[in-house]
Protein backbone atom coordinates (compact mmCIF):
# COMPACT_ATOMS: atom_id res chain seq x y z
CA MET A 1 -0.25 -0.10 0.26
CA VAL A 2 1.25 3.47 -0.80
CA THR A 3 1.32 5.60 2.13
CA GLN A 4 1.35 9.62 2.76
CA PHE A 5 5.26 9.03 3.69
CA HIS A 6 5.63 7.18 0.37
CA GLN A 7 3.43 9.91 -1.61
CA ASN A 8 5.84 12.36 -0.66
CA HIS A 9 8.87 10.93 -1.03
CA ILE A 10 7.45 9.91 -4.81
CA LEU A 11 6.74 13.75 -5.74
CA ASN A 12 9.77 14.91 -3.82
CA PHE A 13 11.92 12.83 -6.33
CA LEU A 14 9.97 13.01 -8.84
CA THR A 15 10.09 17.62 -8.80
CA SER A 16 13.32 17.01 -8.45
CA PHE A 17 13.98 14.21 -11.70
CA ALA A 18 11.88 16.68 -13.83
CA GLU A 19 14.72 19.29 -13.09
CA THR A 20 17.66 17.33 -14.48
CA PRO A 21 16.18 14.92 -17.35
CA SER A 22 19.65 14.39 -18.99
CA ILE A 23 20.51 11.89 -15.80
CA PRO A 24 18.61 8.14 -16.18
CA LEU A 25 16.10 7.74 -13.79
CA ASP A 26 18.07 4.88 -12.28
CA MET A 27 20.88 6.91 -11.40
CA GLN A 28 18.89 9.44 -9.73
CA LEU A 29 16.86 7.21 -7.73
CA ARG A 30 19.80 5.28 -6.60
CA HIS A 31 21.09 8.85 -5.30
CA TYR A 32 18.38 9.62 -3.54
CA LEU A 33 17.71 6.44 -2.06
CA LYS A 34 21.39 7.09 -0.63
CA GLN A 35 20.84 10.63 0.88
CA ASN A 36 17.47 9.22 2.25
CA LYS A 37 19.19 6.64 4.67
CA ALA A 38 16.01 6.87 6.72
CA ILE A 39 13.58 5.03 4.10
CA GLY A 40 13.45 1.32 5.22
CA SER A 41 14.18 -1.48 2.72
CA LYS A 42 10.51 -2.10 2.02
CA GLU A 43 9.43 1.49 1.39
CA ARG A 44 12.23 1.52 -0.74
CA LYS A 45 10.96 -1.27 -2.52
CA ILE A 46 7.53 0.61 -3.00
CA VAL A 47 8.25 4.19 -3.41
CA GLY A 48 10.80 2.69 -6.44
CA ASP A 49 8.53 0.57 -7.83
CA THR A 50 5.75 2.99 -8.30
CA ILE A 51 8.00 5.30 -9.77
CA TYR A 52 8.78 3.35 -12.37
CA GLU A 53 5.56 2.21 -12.82
CA LEU A 54 4.23 5.90 -12.48
CA VAL A 55 7.23 6.95 -15.68
CA ARG A 56 6.08 3.99 -17.54
CA TRP A 57 2.24 4.73 -17.89
CA VAL A 58 2.37 8.49 -17.40
CA GLY A 59 1.40 8.63 -21.15
CA LEU A 60 -1.97 7.17 -20.75
CA ILE A 61 -2.37 9.20 -17.55
CA ASP A 62 -1.89 11.89 -19.06
CA ALA A 63 -4.20 11.18 -21.99
CA ASN A 64 -6.98 11.25 -19.15
CA LEU A 65 -5.57 14.65 -17.36
CA SER A 66 -6.52 18.22 -18.68
CA GLU A 67 -2.83 20.46 -18.71
CA PRO A 68 -0.67 21.91 -16.75
CA PHE A 69 0.31 18.36 -16.19
CA THR A 70 2.18 17.91 -12.79
CA TRP A 71 3.07 15.39 -10.93
CA ASP A 72 0.78 15.62 -7.90
CA LYS A 73 -2.31 15.00 -10.30
CA ARG A 74 -0.16 12.46 -12.75
CA LEU A 75 0.43 10.48 -9.01
CA GLU A 76 -3.42 10.76 -7.90
CA THR A 77 -4.96 9.27 -10.75
CA PHE A 78 -2.39 6.50 -11.31
CA LEU A 79 -2.83 5.41 -7.58
CA ASN A 80 -7.05 5.99 -7.45
CA THR A 81 -7.70 4.99 -11.25
CA PRO A 82 -7.37 0.89 -12.80
CA LYS A 83 -5.07 1.74 -15.87
CA ALA A 84 -7.79 -0.55 -17.43
CA GLN A 85 -10.21 2.27 -17.11
CA LEU A 86 -7.73 4.79 -18.07
CA SER A 87 -7.47 3.32 -21.13
CA ARG A 88 -11.13 3.34 -22.02
CA LYS A 89 -11.13 6.94 -22.01
CA THR A 90 -12.66 7.31 -25.76
CA ALA A 91 -10.72 9.13 -28.61
CA LEU A 92 -7.13 8.25 -27.42
CA GLU A 93 -4.94 7.34 -30.16
CA PRO A 94 -3.57 3.92 -30.31
CA HIS A 95 0.33 5.27 -28.81
CA GLN A 96 -1.35 7.05 -25.50
CA LYS A 97 -3.60 3.39 -24.92
CA VAL A 98 -0.28 1.26 -24.69
CA SER A 99 1.39 4.73 -22.95
CA PHE A 100 4.25 5.26 -25.72
CA PRO A 101 5.54 8.67 -27.61
CA LYS A 102 4.09 8.65 -30.99
CA GLU A 103 7.08 9.31 -32.77
CA PHE A 104 8.59 5.91 -31.73
CA TYR A 105 4.94 3.98 -32.18
CA ASP A 106 4.66 5.38 -35.98
CA THR A 107 8.30 4.39 -36.24
CA LEU A 108 7.98 0.59 -34.99
CA LEU A 109 4.30 0.77 -36.81
CA PRO A 110 5.26 -0.20 -40.40
CA HIS A 111 7.55 -2.70 -39.58
CA LEU A 112 5.79 -5.10 -37.13
CA GLY A 113 2.24 -4.18 -37.98
CA ALA A 114 -0.82 -3.43 -35.10
CA SER A 115 -0.44 -6.14 -33.06
CA ALA A 116 2.72 -6.78 -32.31
CA THR A 117 3.79 -3.02 -31.81
CA ASN A 118 0.95 -2.95 -29.57
CA GLU A 119 2.08 -6.02 -27.82
CA PHE A 120 5.66 -4.88 -27.62
CA CYS A 121 4.74 -1.54 -25.66
CA LEU A 122 2.79 -3.58 -23.06
CA ASN A 123 5.45 -5.60 -22.58
CA SER A 124 8.21 -2.62 -22.56
CA ASN A 125 5.50 -1.47 -19.57
CA LEU A 126 6.63 -4.33 -17.53
CA PRO A 127 9.01 -5.09 -14.67
CA ALA A 128 11.95 -6.50 -16.37
CA PRO A 129 13.29 -10.10 -15.42
CA ILE A 130 16.25 -10.80 -13.41
CA THR A 131 18.99 -12.85 -14.65
CA VAL A 132 22.70 -13.99 -14.35
CA ARG A 133 25.13 -15.55 -16.25
CA VAL A 134 27.59 -18.35 -14.63
CA ASN A 135 31.19 -17.87 -14.45
CA LEU A 136 31.68 -21.50 -15.85
CA LEU A 137 35.41 -20.47 -15.50
CA LYS A 138 34.63 -21.08 -11.30
CA ILE A 139 31.37 -23.13 -11.25
CA THR A 140 29.00 -24.98 -13.39
CA ARG A 141 25.33 -23.67 -13.70
CA GLU A 142 23.84 -26.44 -12.12
CA ALA A 143 26.30 -26.47 -9.22
CA LEU A 144 25.37 -22.42 -8.66
CA PHE A 145 21.50 -23.65 -9.19
CA LYS A 146 21.87 -26.00 -6.10
CA LEU A 147 23.18 -23.67 -4.01
CA LEU A 148 21.19 -20.92 -4.28
CA ALA A 149 17.82 -22.85 -5.29
CA PRO A 150 17.65 -23.62 -1.19
CA LEU A 151 17.47 -19.62 -0.79
CA PHE A 152 15.73 -18.01 -3.80
CA SER A 153 12.80 -18.36 -6.05
CA ILE A 154 15.09 -19.56 -8.81
CA SER A 155 14.81 -21.26 -12.41
CA LEU A 156 16.93 -22.40 -15.43
CA CYS A 157 17.03 -20.07 -18.96
CA LYS A 158 15.15 -21.70 -21.74
CA GLU A 159 17.83 -20.73 -23.88
CA SER A 160 21.28 -19.73 -22.47
CA LYS A 161 23.11 -22.48 -21.27
CA THR A 162 24.76 -20.75 -18.25
CA GLY A 163 21.38 -18.43 -17.73
CA ILE A 164 19.68 -18.48 -14.31
CA LEU A 165 16.03 -16.39 -13.90
CA PHE A 166 15.62 -14.76 -10.41
CA HIS A 167 11.75 -14.71 -9.80
CA ARG A 168 12.09 -11.94 -7.15
CA LYS A 169 14.85 -8.75 -6.68
CA ILE A 170 17.28 -9.28 -4.06
CA ASN A 171 20.62 -7.61 -3.01
CA PHE A 172 23.18 -9.91 -5.05
CA PHE A 173 25.75 -7.59 -4.30
CA GLU A 174 25.62 -9.24 -0.45
CA LEU A 175 26.10 -12.68 -1.79
CA PRO A 176 29.47 -14.80 -0.85
CA GLU A 177 28.91 -16.59 -4.43
CA PHE A 178 28.63 -13.13 -6.16
CA LYS A 179 31.55 -12.26 -3.95
CA GLN A 180 33.41 -15.34 -5.21
CA GLY A 181 32.67 -14.62 -8.65
CA PHE A 182 30.36 -17.64 -9.72
CA PHE A 183 28.21 -15.36 -11.50
CA GLU A 184 27.25 -11.48 -13.21
CA ILE A 185 24.32 -9.74 -13.82
CA GLN A 186 23.10 -10.26 -17.08
CA ASP A 187 19.94 -10.37 -19.43
CA GLU A 188 19.45 -14.14 -20.92
CA ALA A 189 19.55 -11.76 -24.38
CA SER A 190 22.56 -10.14 -23.87
CA GLN A 191 24.20 -13.64 -23.05
CA LEU A 192 23.09 -14.98 -26.56
CA VAL A 193 24.46 -11.93 -28.20
CA ALA A 194 27.99 -13.07 -26.57
CA GLU A 195 27.59 -16.49 -27.54
CA TYR A 196 27.77 -14.94 -31.63
CA VAL A 197 31.44 -14.20 -30.76
CA GLU A 198 32.86 -17.47 -31.11
CA ALA A 199 36.47 -16.97 -29.78
CA LYS A 200 38.80 -19.84 -28.83
CA PRO A 201 41.93 -19.74 -26.82
CA GLY A 202 44.84 -18.27 -28.24
CA ASP A 203 42.45 -15.60 -30.26
CA GLU A 204 43.05 -11.83 -30.40
CA VAL A 205 38.93 -10.17 -29.60
CA LEU A 206 38.49 -6.63 -29.70
CA ASP A 207 35.04 -5.31 -27.58
CA TYR A 208 35.05 -1.87 -29.54
CA CYS A 209 32.13 -0.51 -27.03
CA ALA A 210 33.20 -2.36 -23.79
CA GLY A 211 31.36 -0.09 -21.67
CA SER A 212 32.04 -1.80 -18.06
CA GLY A 213 32.57 -5.59 -19.85
CA GLY A 214 29.28 -7.47 -19.66
CA LYS A 215 29.49 -9.00 -22.95
CA SER A 216 33.52 -9.28 -22.65
CA LEU A 217 33.10 -11.27 -19.26
CA SER A 218 31.08 -13.89 -21.21
CA ILE A 219 33.51 -14.24 -23.97
CA ALA A 220 36.56 -14.64 -22.00
CA THR A 221 35.14 -17.76 -20.65
CA LYS A 222 35.52 -19.48 -24.10
CA MET A 223 39.20 -18.48 -24.35
CA ASN A 224 40.55 -20.34 -21.16
CA GLY A 225 43.12 -17.62 -20.20
CA LYS A 226 44.79 -17.88 -23.62
CA GLY A 227 45.38 -15.10 -26.26
CA GLN A 228 43.74 -11.68 -25.26
CA LEU A 229 41.18 -9.87 -25.07
CA PHE A 230 40.92 -5.89 -25.54
CA LEU A 231 38.55 -3.68 -23.93
CA HIS A 232 37.94 -0.65 -25.33
CA ASP A 233 35.59 2.53 -24.23
CA ILE A 234 36.24 6.25 -24.75
CA ARG A 235 34.67 6.55 -21.47
CA LYS A 236 37.37 5.80 -18.25
CA LYS A 237 34.92 5.10 -15.59
CA PRO A 238 33.15 1.98 -17.11
CA LEU A 239 36.70 0.77 -18.07
CA GLU A 240 37.36 0.46 -14.47
CA GLN A 241 34.35 -1.15 -13.21
CA ALA A 242 35.07 -3.31 -15.58
CA LYS A 243 38.18 -4.24 -14.22
CA LEU A 244 36.72 -4.99 -11.00
CA ARG A 245 34.68 -7.23 -12.39
CA PHE A 246 37.28 -9.42 -14.53
CA LYS A 247 39.13 -9.32 -11.06
CA ARG A 248 36.57 -10.87 -9.36
CA ALA A 249 36.22 -13.27 -12.18
CA GLY A 250 39.80 -14.08 -11.98
CA ILE A 251 39.90 -13.50 -15.72
CA GLN A 252 43.63 -11.91 -16.08
CA ASN A 253 44.07 -11.85 -20.13
CA ILE A 254 42.70 -8.78 -20.67
CA GLN A 255 43.79 -5.00 -21.69
CA MET A 256 41.62 -1.88 -20.93
CA LEU A 257 41.95 0.92 -23.21
CA ILE A 258 40.93 4.69 -23.92
CA ASP A 259 43.15 4.82 -26.68
CA LEU A 260 43.76 2.10 -29.39
CA PRO A 261 47.28 1.31 -31.15
CA SER A 262 47.66 1.29 -34.81
CA SER A 263 49.96 -1.79 -33.83
CA LEU A 264 46.69 -3.76 -33.00
CA LYS A 265 45.18 -2.79 -36.81
CA LYS A 266 44.32 -6.15 -38.46
CA ARG A 267 44.69 -8.25 -35.62
CA MET A 268 41.56 -9.07 -34.21
CA ASN A 269 40.02 -12.78 -35.38
CA TRP A 270 36.62 -11.28 -33.40
CA LEU A 271 35.46 -7.55 -33.38
CA LEU A 272 32.54 -6.82 -31.17
CA LEU A 273 31.18 -3.67 -31.98
CA ASP A 274 28.02 -3.14 -29.41
CA VAL A 275 27.26 -0.02 -30.27
CA PRO A 276 25.51 2.97 -28.82
CA CYS A 277 21.77 2.89 -29.71
CA THR A 278 17.99 3.75 -28.55
CA GLY A 279 17.94 1.09 -25.99
CA SER A 280 14.01 0.22 -27.41
CA GLY A 281 14.96 -3.43 -26.33
CA THR A 282 15.52 -2.03 -22.51
CA TRP A 283 13.22 0.28 -21.78
CA ARG A 284 11.17 -1.66 -19.62
CA ARG A 285 14.41 -1.25 -17.49
CA ASN A 286 14.78 2.40 -18.20
CA PRO A 287 11.38 3.80 -18.88
CA ASP A 288 12.26 7.26 -19.14
CA GLN A 289 14.41 6.70 -22.18
CA LYS A 290 11.36 5.97 -24.21
CA TRP A 291 9.95 9.57 -23.83
CA LYS A 292 13.39 11.21 -25.02
CA PHE A 293 13.31 9.05 -28.33
CA SER A 294 12.61 11.38 -31.47
CA LYS A 295 13.48 10.94 -35.45
CA ALA A 296 15.93 12.73 -35.00
CA VAL A 297 17.52 11.39 -31.96
CA LEU A 298 17.36 8.12 -34.03
CA GLU A 299 18.93 9.71 -37.24
CA ARG A 300 21.76 11.01 -34.91
CA ILE A 301 22.42 7.78 -33.17
CA THR A 302 22.20 5.42 -36.54
CA LEU A 303 24.91 8.37 -37.90
CA ASP A 304 27.28 7.57 -35.14
CA GLN A 305 26.64 3.49 -35.45
CA ARG A 306 28.07 3.86 -38.89
CA ASN A 307 31.43 6.03 -37.60
CA ILE A 308 31.83 3.42 -34.91
CA PHE A 309 31.78 0.80 -37.28
CA GLU A 310 33.96 2.88 -39.69
CA SER A 311 36.57 3.63 -37.20
CA ALA A 312 36.91 -0.47 -35.77
CA LEU A 313 36.73 -1.52 -39.29
CA PRO A 314 40.46 -1.37 -39.64
CA TYR A 315 41.41 -3.42 -36.12
CA LEU A 316 39.72 -6.71 -38.33
CA HIS A 317 42.43 -9.27 -39.17
CA PRO A 318 41.46 -10.26 -43.28
CA LYS A 319 40.12 -13.47 -41.70
CA GLY A 320 38.71 -12.04 -38.70
CA LYS A 321 34.73 -11.82 -38.20
CA ILE A 322 32.60 -9.30 -36.72
CA VAL A 323 29.72 -9.35 -34.41
CA TYR A 324 27.35 -6.34 -34.43
CA ALA A 325 24.74 -5.58 -32.01
CA THR A 326 21.87 -3.73 -30.74
CA CYS A 327 19.64 -3.48 -27.86
CA SER A 328 16.86 -1.76 -29.95
CA VAL A 329 14.23 -3.53 -31.95
CA LEU A 330 14.20 -0.78 -34.18
CA PRO A 331 15.75 -1.58 -38.39
CA GLU A 332 16.86 1.33 -38.96
CA GLU A 333 19.72 0.46 -36.04
CA ASN A 334 19.71 -3.80 -37.52
CA GLU A 335 19.06 -4.34 -40.44
CA GLU A 336 19.30 -1.55 -42.10
CA GLN A 337 22.61 -0.91 -41.22
CA ILE A 338 23.59 -4.68 -41.83
CA ALA A 339 22.50 -3.49 -45.44
CA TYR A 340 24.76 -0.88 -45.49
CA PHE A 341 27.77 -2.26 -43.91
CA MET A 342 27.22 -5.18 -46.27
CA GLU A 343 27.15 -3.05 -49.30
CA LYS A 344 29.93 -0.07 -48.84
CA TYR A 345 32.52 -2.38 -47.08
CA ASN A 346 32.25 -5.55 -48.88
CA LEU A 347 30.69 -7.94 -46.46
CA ILE A 348 28.71 -10.89 -46.11
CA SER A 349 26.62 -12.20 -43.19
CA THR A 350 28.11 -15.58 -41.85
CA LYS A 351 24.91 -16.39 -39.40
CA PRO A 352 21.17 -15.83 -39.23
CA PHE A 353 20.28 -12.80 -37.00
CA PHE A 354 19.76 -12.97 -33.86
CA LYS A 355 16.29 -11.09 -32.62
CA SER A 356 14.55 -10.83 -29.24
CA TYR A 357 11.82 -9.02 -28.37
CA PRO A 358 10.38 -7.80 -24.36
CA LYS A 359 8.56 -11.10 -23.29
CA PRO A 360 7.16 -11.46 -19.83
CA ASP A 361 9.76 -12.80 -17.74
CA GLU A 362 12.10 -13.53 -20.85
CA LYS A 363 14.34 -11.67 -22.65
CA ASP A 364 14.99 -8.17 -23.37
CA GLY A 365 15.15 -7.25 -27.08
CA PHE A 366 18.36 -7.55 -28.88
CA PHE A 367 19.63 -7.91 -32.28
CA ALA A 368 22.98 -9.72 -33.57
CA ALA A 369 24.68 -10.09 -36.89
CA VAL A 370 28.23 -11.86 -37.60
CA LEU A 371 29.69 -10.20 -40.53
CA GLU A 372 33.60 -11.21 -42.99
CA LYS A 373 34.88 -9.38 -45.34
CA SER A 374 33.81 -11.29 -48.41
CA PRO A 375 35.81 -14.01 -49.93
CA GLU A 376 36.87 -12.21 -53.26
CA LEU A 377 38.79 -9.50 -51.07
């Protein structure tokens, strides 16, 4: 039950959140809860869950309100009116019924059709599943499952052979199994995308947009400490986080690089380009991001993706392979980009595309393709 105590904190947070929209919701919420340590763990969950639900459904809520829109009015409507009743309002546009921005809805509609577009939007308004990837360098999935099953409600992932699904949110960072490097938090679709990099011991692999190294951690388990895994990112902080994660996982054959030396050119057996994208496949985790979507943003991002691809390509060995990946469901960032890369750089696709869409208690939306240079080169 959302009490007045919860409502006060929810409104305090949302007021400050509206003032700094460039900072992601999850980061701002973590900071707010850290600054308000008097909020107990149960209250934190109620406050956090309500904020996320409100941000997910604010489009539908606003369609039932008159301007000016305020968080007070939105919260009152959210708490006192069932969503089913809100969606029955006459003259609602299709995008309003599923609480999504019109520009995104209209962008996805020609590709999926009305039924699948509505399904995607509604699934993206559900809470995201909590999945971990077992570190096979330290423990088997079966052994970790036996350790955790008596303590938590868990099940094995349907497709990833290293994935375990948690049915309730817990504090992973306090678990001894986490501290020992037995697992990392990673969505099942992200795990399956990492499998597209079929690195073997002795290979040289470059994760060109590595971030904090989530997919590289998975790739490294196939290399058995042999060969070299290079993590590149233009941001120093994510690479520092990656260093800590690799240390916990017991992986040493890595190098963290902000600047890539020319000596690495034409050497990579595998080149992973997990490029920046709209993140549309993961918006149930970051519902604030969908409200920032625009066609102009999409055009800028697709141009950035092409520039990144061109910058990374010189590091590929003549017989190496590229894995291009996004956490987006938009063809403009996926299939259309692959067609562009194949034509411009004389590349061929060597494996069926990986594509997933958000489903209840299942994977996020991801895309991956494997490319290599055409044989006649």
